[in-house]
Amino acid sequence: MIEDQIIKRGIQDQRVLDIMGSIDRKKFVPEEHAQSANNDGALPIGYGQTISQPFIVAFMSESLKIDAGHKVLEIGTGSGYQSAVLSSLCNYVHTIEIIDELATKASSRLKELGYNNITVHFGDGNNGLPEEAPFDRIMVTAAPEEIPEILVEQLSEGGMMILPMGKEFDIQHLWVVTKGEGGSIKKEKVLPVRFVPMVKK
């Protein structure tokens, strides 16, 4: 998976490569899809949600330029796979899941696997997590139709956010948002993608 699907497609961050090579993706997908866990594709995890393909996980993780001291907010916990990758790159991950059953399962799974620097929150990711803000990095793993200003506000100066954006059946793109000194914002469109829509309560 690492050699054929990630390195050959341009991912160079050795930390990301090593971490993804050390995590068993089979533990984050339903049993009926375990044989496909290392294929380069998204897989259903129930409740209309998916686990992102390995290349996209690697691309988004590399793009954020995460360091060991960062506090990261993830919107859309899903099965917890991306949370696990992030937690091995940074100091602490807060991750929000809007579907109660997925949040409960992901929290239990991550604890069983020994990830002690992740807190799974059940709630609406559209609101971010103001009580824990600001965040050095924010990753959104479901697609809103426009960049949520409330999440931009929760970025620290010098912080970065990556998110897919666009309507469900239209062309979507990943965007990188960087917050500069004084709150200035830079937005860059980086990759065409397809994500499930960002749900609101």
C-alpha atoms as a PDB file:
ATOM      1  CA  MET A   1       0.000   0.000   0.000  1.00  0.00           C
ATOM      2  CA  ILE A   2       2.693   2.492   0.994  1.00  0.00           C
ATOM      3  CA  GLU A   3       4.964   1.846  -1.991  1.00  0.00           C
ATOM      4  CA  ASP A   4       2.355   1.462  -4.736  1.00  0.00           C
ATOM      5  CA  GLN A   5      -0.400   3.833  -3.662  1.00  0.00           C
ATOM      6  CA  ILE A   6       1.331   6.583  -1.712  1.00  0.00           C
ATOM      7  CA  ILE A   7       5.028   6.978  -2.555  1.00  0.00           C
ATOM      8  CA  LYS A   8       4.478   6.518  -6.305  1.00  0.00           C
ATOM      9  CA  ARG A   9       1.867   9.290  -6.220  1.00  0.00           C
ATOM     10  CA  GLY A  10       4.249  11.826  -4.742  1.00  0.00           C
ATOM     11  CA  ILE A  11       3.961  11.661  -0.951  1.00  0.00           C
ATOM     12  CA  GLN A  12       7.417  12.379   0.479  1.00  0.00           C
ATOM     13  CA  ASP A  13       6.970  13.130   4.193  1.00  0.00           C
ATOM     14  CA  GLN A  14       8.795  10.234   5.829  1.00  0.00           C
ATOM     15  CA  ARG A  15       6.923  10.658   9.114  1.00  0.00           C
ATOM     16  CA  VAL A  16       3.591  10.241   7.339  1.00  0.00           C
ATOM     17  CA  LEU A  17       4.884   7.225   5.392  1.00  0.00           C
ATOM     18  CA  ASP A  18       6.270   5.538   8.508  1.00  0.00           C
ATOM     19  CA  ILE A  19       3.127   6.164  10.553  1.00  0.00           C
ATOM     20  CA  MET A  20       0.771   4.899   7.862  1.00  0.00           C
ATOM     21  CA  GLY A  21       2.987   1.880   7.390  1.00  0.00           C
ATOM     22  CA  SER A  22       2.705   1.072  11.097  1.00  0.00           C
ATOM     23  CA  ILE A  23      -1.114   1.320  11.373  1.00  0.00           C
ATOM     24  CA  ASP A  24      -3.240  -1.686  10.386  1.00  0.00           C
ATOM     25  CA  ARG A  25      -6.102  -0.199   8.346  1.00  0.00           C
ATOM     26  CA  LYS A  26      -8.021  -3.482   8.695  1.00  0.00           C
ATOM     27  CA  LYS A  27      -8.737  -2.557  12.310  1.00  0.00           C
ATOM     28  CA  PHE A  28     -10.654   0.522  11.162  1.00  0.00           C
ATOM     29  CA  VAL A  29     -12.987  -1.006   8.567  1.00  0.00           C
ATOM     30  CA  PRO A  30     -15.979  -3.333   8.968  1.00  0.00           C
ATOM     31  CA  GLU A  31     -15.067  -7.026   8.940  1.00  0.00           C
ATOM     32  CA  GLU A  32     -16.772  -7.608   5.597  1.00  0.00           C
ATOM     33  CA  HIS A  33     -14.380  -5.123   3.957  1.00  0.00           C
ATOM     34  CA  ALA A  34     -11.199  -6.267   5.708  1.00  0.00           C
ATOM     35  CA  GLN A  35      -9.807  -7.936   2.576  1.00  0.00           C
ATOM     36  CA  SER A  36     -10.025  -4.592   0.762  1.00  0.00           C
ATOM     37  CA  ALA A  37      -8.498  -2.567   3.590  1.00  0.00           C
ATOM     38  CA  ASN A  38      -5.184  -1.991   1.819  1.00  0.00           C
ATOM     39  CA  ASN A  39      -6.679  -1.165  -1.573  1.00  0.00           C
ATOM     40  CA  ASP A  40      -6.417   2.407  -2.793  1.00  0.00           C
ATOM     41  CA  GLY A  41     -10.032   3.358  -2.368  1.00  0.00           C
ATOM     42  CA  ALA A  42     -12.604   4.635   0.086  1.00  0.00           C
ATOM     43  CA  LEU A  43     -14.639   1.980   1.916  1.00  0.00           C
ATOM     44  CA  PRO A  44     -18.067   2.166   3.561  1.00  0.00           C
ATOM     45  CA  ILE A  45     -18.105   2.168   7.369  1.00  0.00           C
ATOM     46  CA  GLY A  46     -21.872   2.382   7.826  1.00  0.00           C
ATOM     47  CA  TYR A  47     -24.364   5.221   8.340  1.00  0.00           C
ATOM     48  CA  GLY A  48     -23.632   6.549   4.840  1.00  0.00           C
ATOM     49  CA  GLN A  49     -20.020   7.360   5.745  1.00  0.00           C
ATOM     50  CA  THR A  50     -16.681   6.160   4.379  1.00  0.00           C
ATOM     51  CA  ILE A  51     -13.045   5.745   5.362  1.00  0.00           C
ATOM     52  CA  SER A  52     -10.915   7.793   2.953  1.00  0.00           C
ATOM     53  CA  GLN A  53      -8.538   6.133   0.528  1.00  0.00           C
ATOM     54  CA  PRO A  54      -4.960   5.828   1.827  1.00  0.00           C
ATOM     55  CA  PHE A  55      -3.531   8.316  -0.672  1.00  0.00           C
ATOM     56  CA  ILE A  56      -5.973  11.028   0.417  1.00  0.00           C
ATOM     57  CA  VAL A  57      -5.200  10.367   4.100  1.00  0.00           C
ATOM     58  CA  ALA A  58      -1.487  10.712   3.328  1.00  0.00           C
ATOM     59  CA  PHE A  59      -1.953  13.790   1.116  1.00  0.00           C
ATOM     60  CA  MET A  60      -4.058  15.657   3.665  1.00  0.00           C
ATOM     61  CA  SER A  61      -1.714  14.726   6.511  1.00  0.00           C
ATOM     62  CA  GLU A  62       1.377  15.822   4.590  1.00  0.00           C
ATOM     63  CA  SER A  63      -0.228  19.058   3.399  1.00  0.00           C
ATOM     64  CA  LEU A  64      -0.832  20.280   6.968  1.00  0.00           C
ATOM     65  CA  LYS A  65       2.890  20.165   7.854  1.00  0.00           C
ATOM     66  CA  ILE A  66       2.098  18.971  11.370  1.00  0.00           C
ATOM     67  CA  ASP A  67       4.769  18.991  14.042  1.00  0.00           C
ATOM     68  CA  ALA A  68       4.988  17.186  17.357  1.00  0.00           C
ATOM     69  CA  GLY A  69       3.858  20.181  19.425  1.00  0.00           C
ATOM     70  CA  HIS A  70       0.649  20.908  17.529  1.00  0.00           C
ATOM     71  CA  LYS A  71      -2.916  20.637  18.781  1.00  0.00           C
ATOM     72  CA  VAL A  72      -5.141  19.400  15.958  1.00  0.00           C
ATOM     73  CA  LEU A  73      -8.897  19.499  15.407  1.00  0.00           C
ATOM     74  CA  GLU A  74     -10.427  16.896  13.103  1.00  0.00           C
ATOM     75  CA  ILE A  75     -13.982  17.286  11.821  1.00  0.00           C
ATOM     76  CA  GLY A  76     -15.470  13.901  10.958  1.00  0.00           C
ATOM     77  CA  THR A  77     -14.015  11.078  13.048  1.00  0.00           C
ATOM     78  CA  GLY A  78     -15.560   8.254  11.058  1.00  0.00           C
ATOM     79  CA  SER A  79     -13.834   5.001  12.015  1.00  0.00           C
ATOM     80  CA  GLY A  80     -10.935   6.816  13.670  1.00  0.00           C
ATOM     81  CA  TYR A  81      -8.258   5.910  11.095  1.00  0.00           C
ATOM     82  CA  GLN A  82      -7.323   9.477  10.175  1.00  0.00           C
ATOM     83  CA  SER A  83      -7.421  10.379  13.877  1.00  0.00           C
ATOM     84  CA  ALA A  84      -4.852   7.664  14.562  1.00  0.00           C
ATOM     85  CA  VAL A  85      -2.552   8.986  11.842  1.00  0.00           C
ATOM     86  CA  LEU A  86      -2.855  12.552  13.131  1.00  0.00           C
ATOM     87  CA  SER A  87      -2.255  11.541  16.740  1.00  0.00           C
ATOM     88  CA  SER A  88       1.100  10.027  15.801  1.00  0.00           C
ATOM     89  CA  LEU A  89       2.156  13.292  14.134  1.00  0.00           C
ATOM     90  CA  CYS A  90       1.108  15.816  16.784  1.00  0.00           C
ATOM     91  CA  ASN A  91       0.730  16.428  20.502  1.00  0.00           C
ATOM     92  CA  TYR A  92      -3.053  16.083  20.818  1.00  0.00           C
ATOM     93  CA  VAL A  93      -6.097  15.478  18.602  1.00  0.00           C
ATOM     94  CA  HIS A  94      -9.656  16.579  19.275  1.00  0.00           C
ATOM     95  CA  THR A  95     -11.986  14.908  16.788  1.00  0.00           C
ATOM     96  CA  ILE A  96     -15.719  15.523  16.334  1.00  0.00           C
ATOM     97  CA  GLU A  97     -18.248  13.040  14.932  1.00  0.00           C
ATOM     98  CA  ILE A  98     -21.882  13.946  14.310  1.00  0.00           C
ATOM     99  CA  ILE A  99     -23.127  10.330  14.215  1.00  0.00           C
ATOM    100  CA  ASP A 100     -23.344   9.035  17.775  1.00  0.00           C
ATOM    101  CA  GLU A 101     -22.797   5.372  16.902  1.00  0.00           C
ATOM    102  CA  LEU A 102     -19.637   6.121  14.914  1.00  0.00           C
ATOM    103  CA  ALA A 103     -18.295   8.377  17.675  1.00  0.00           C
ATOM    104  CA  THR A 104     -18.838   5.665  20.296  1.00  0.00           C
ATOM    105  CA  LYS A 105     -17.237   2.941  18.179  1.00  0.00           C
ATOM    106  CA  ALA A 106     -14.267   5.105  17.195  1.00  0.00           C
ATOM    107  CA  SER A 107     -13.626   6.165  20.791  1.00  0.00           C
ATOM    108  CA  SER A 108     -13.619   2.551  21.995  1.00  0.00           C
ATOM    109  CA  ARG A 109     -11.460   1.394  19.077  1.00  0.00           C
ATOM    110  CA  LEU A 110      -8.839   4.086  19.574  1.00  0.00           C
ATOM    111  CA  LYS A 111      -8.623   3.427  23.319  1.00  0.00           C
ATOM    112  CA  GLU A 112      -8.270  -0.323  22.739  1.00  0.00           C
ATOM    113  CA  LEU A 113      -5.432   0.350  20.283  1.00  0.00           C
ATOM    114  CA  GLY A 114      -3.607   2.515  22.819  1.00  0.00           C
ATOM    115  CA  TYR A 115      -4.128   5.992  21.391  1.00  0.00           C
ATOM    116  CA  ASN A 116      -4.091   8.114  24.519  1.00  0.00           C
ATOM    117  CA  ASN A 117      -3.752  11.573  22.957  1.00  0.00           C
ATOM    118  CA  ILE A 118      -7.135  11.636  21.193  1.00  0.00           C
ATOM    119  CA  THR A 119     -10.486  12.817  22.514  1.00  0.00           C
ATOM    120  CA  VAL A 120     -13.539  11.890  20.454  1.00  0.00           C
ATOM    121  CA  HIS A 121     -16.403  14.363  20.785  1.00  0.00           C
ATOM    122  CA  PHE A 122     -19.988  13.609  19.717  1.00  0.00           C
ATOM    123  CA  GLY A 123     -21.407  16.753  18.146  1.00  0.00           C
ATOM    124  CA  ASP A 124     -21.795  19.014  15.135  1.00  0.00           C
ATOM    125  CA  GLY A 125     -18.424  19.720  13.547  1.00  0.00           C
ATOM    126  CA  ASN A 126     -19.823  22.778  11.798  1.00  0.00           C
ATOM    127  CA  ASN A 127     -19.417  24.562  15.133  1.00  0.00           C
ATOM    128  CA  GLY A 128     -15.848  23.411  15.679  1.00  0.00           C
ATOM    129  CA  LEU A 129     -14.784  23.141  19.306  1.00  0.00           C
ATOM    130  CA  PRO A 130     -14.589  26.686  20.677  1.00  0.00           C
ATOM    131  CA  GLU A 131     -13.834  25.547  24.227  1.00  0.00           C
ATOM    132  CA  GLU A 132     -10.539  24.024  23.039  1.00  0.00           C
ATOM    133  CA  ALA A 133      -9.599  26.674  20.443  1.00  0.00           C
ATOM    134  CA  PRO A 134      -7.314  27.902  19.061  1.00  0.00           C
ATOM    135  CA  PHE A 135      -5.941  24.988  17.060  1.00  0.00           C
ATOM    136  CA  ASP A 136      -2.632  24.839  15.219  1.00  0.00           C
ATOM    137  CA  ARG A 137      -4.132  22.630  12.515  1.00  0.00           C
ATOM    138  CA  ILE A 138      -7.673  21.696  11.455  1.00  0.00           C
ATOM    139  CA  MET A 139      -8.591  18.831   9.132  1.00  0.00           C
ATOM    140  CA  VAL A 140     -12.106  18.465   7.756  1.00  0.00           C
ATOM    141  CA  THR A 141     -12.953  15.047   6.305  1.00  0.00           C
ATOM    142  CA  ALA A 142     -16.410  15.795   4.890  1.00  0.00           C
ATOM    143  CA  ALA A 143     -17.271  18.415   2.302  1.00  0.00           C
ATOM    144  CA  PRO A 144     -19.078  21.677   3.121  1.00  0.00           C
ATOM    145  CA  GLU A 145     -20.233  23.832   0.220  1.00  0.00           C
ATOM    146  CA  GLU A 146     -18.128  26.761   1.429  1.00  0.00           C
ATOM    147  CA  ILE A 147     -15.306  27.284   3.901  1.00  0.00           C
ATOM    148  CA  PRO A 148     -16.830  27.501   7.422  1.00  0.00           C
ATOM    149  CA  GLU A 149     -15.834  30.848   8.910  1.00  0.00           C
ATOM    150  CA  ILE A 150     -16.266  29.531  12.440  1.00  0.00           C
ATOM    151  CA  LEU A 151     -13.468  27.025  11.807  1.00  0.00           C
ATOM    152  CA  VAL A 152     -11.220  29.722  10.360  1.00  0.00           C
ATOM    153  CA  GLU A 153     -11.807  31.732  13.538  1.00  0.00           C
ATOM    154  CA  GLN A 154     -10.646  28.758  15.627  1.00  0.00           C
ATOM    155  CA  LEU A 155      -7.270  28.586  13.865  1.00  0.00           C
ATOM    156  CA  SER A 156      -4.291  30.082  15.651  1.00  0.00           C
ATOM    157  CA  GLU A 157      -2.118  32.647  13.861  1.00  0.00           C
ATOM    158  CA  GLY A 158       0.177  30.663  11.615  1.00  0.00           C
ATOM    159  CA  GLY A 159      -2.363  27.821  11.660  1.00  0.00           C
ATOM    160  CA  MET A 160      -3.480  25.755   8.690  1.00  0.00           C
ATOM    161  CA  MET A 161      -6.694  23.986   7.734  1.00  0.00           C
ATOM    162  CA  ILE A 162      -7.316  21.475   4.954  1.00  0.00           C
ATOM    163  CA  LEU A 163     -10.811  20.610   3.792  1.00  0.00           C
ATOM    164  CA  PRO A 164     -12.725  19.325   0.773  1.00  0.00           C
ATOM    165  CA  MET A 165     -15.270  21.782  -0.572  1.00  0.00           C
ATOM    166  CA  GLY A 166     -18.116  21.552  -3.052  1.00  0.00           C
ATOM    167  CA  LYS A 167     -21.571  20.095  -3.568  1.00  0.00           C
ATOM    168  CA  GLU A 168     -22.020  16.331  -3.243  1.00  0.00           C
ATOM    169  CA  PHE A 169     -22.441  15.523  -6.931  1.00  0.00           C
ATOM    170  CA  ASP A 170     -20.323  18.352  -8.350  1.00  0.00           C
ATOM    171  CA  ILE A 171     -16.554  18.510  -8.656  1.00  0.00           C
ATOM    172  CA  GLN A 172     -14.998  18.998  -5.233  1.00  0.00           C
ATOM    173  CA  HIS A 173     -11.488  20.177  -4.420  1.00  0.00           C
ATOM    174  CA  LEU A 174      -9.255  20.096  -1.390  1.00  0.00           C
ATOM    175  CA  TRP A 175      -8.400  23.582  -0.157  1.00  0.00           C
ATOM    176  CA  VAL A 176      -5.596  24.622   2.169  1.00  0.00           C
ATOM    177  CA  VAL A 177      -6.376  27.672   4.311  1.00  0.00           C
ATOM    178  CA  THR A 178      -3.493  29.437   6.061  1.00  0.00           C
ATOM    179  CA  LYS A 179      -4.007  32.072   8.760  1.00  0.00           C
ATOM    180  CA  GLY A 180      -1.254  34.681   8.837  1.00  0.00           C
ATOM    181  CA  GLU A 181      -0.302  37.454  11.208  1.00  0.00           C
ATOM    182  CA  GLY A 182      -3.179  39.703  12.154  1.00  0.00           C
ATOM    183  CA  GLY A 183      -5.662  37.091  10.959  1.00  0.00           C
ATOM    184  CA  SER A 184      -4.956  37.427   7.233  1.00  0.00           C
ATOM    185  CA  ILE A 185      -6.220  34.425   5.258  1.00  0.00           C
ATOM    186  CA  LYS A 186      -4.686  32.664   2.267  1.00  0.00           C
ATOM    187  CA  LYS A 187      -6.726  30.035   0.395  1.00  0.00           C
ATOM    188  CA  GLU A 188      -5.246  27.548  -2.086  1.00  0.00           C
ATOM    189  CA  LYS A 189      -7.079  24.929  -4.182  1.00  0.00           C
ATOM    190  CA  VAL A 190      -4.848  21.843  -4.328  1.00  0.00           C
ATOM    191  CA  LEU A 191      -6.545  18.623  -5.507  1.00  0.00           C
ATOM    192  CA  PRO A 192      -9.812  17.354  -7.049  1.00  0.00           C
ATOM    193  CA  VAL A 193     -11.529  14.905  -4.675  1.00  0.00           C
ATOM    194  CA  ARG A 194     -14.834  13.268  -3.788  1.00  0.00           C
ATOM    195  CA  PHE A 195     -16.038  13.287  -0.181  1.00  0.00           C
ATOM    196  CA  VAL A 196     -19.331  12.678   1.577  1.00  0.00           C
ATOM    197  CA  PRO A 197     -21.137  15.954   2.372  1.00  0.00           C
ATOM    198  CA  MET A 198     -20.645  17.687   5.696  1.00  0.00           C
ATOM    199  CA  VAL A 199     -23.777  17.053   7.744  1.00  0.00           C
ATOM    200  CA  LYS A 200     -25.490  19.634   9.914  1.00  0.00           C
ATOM    201  CA  LYS A 201     -27.706  18.992  12.935  1.00  0.00           C
END
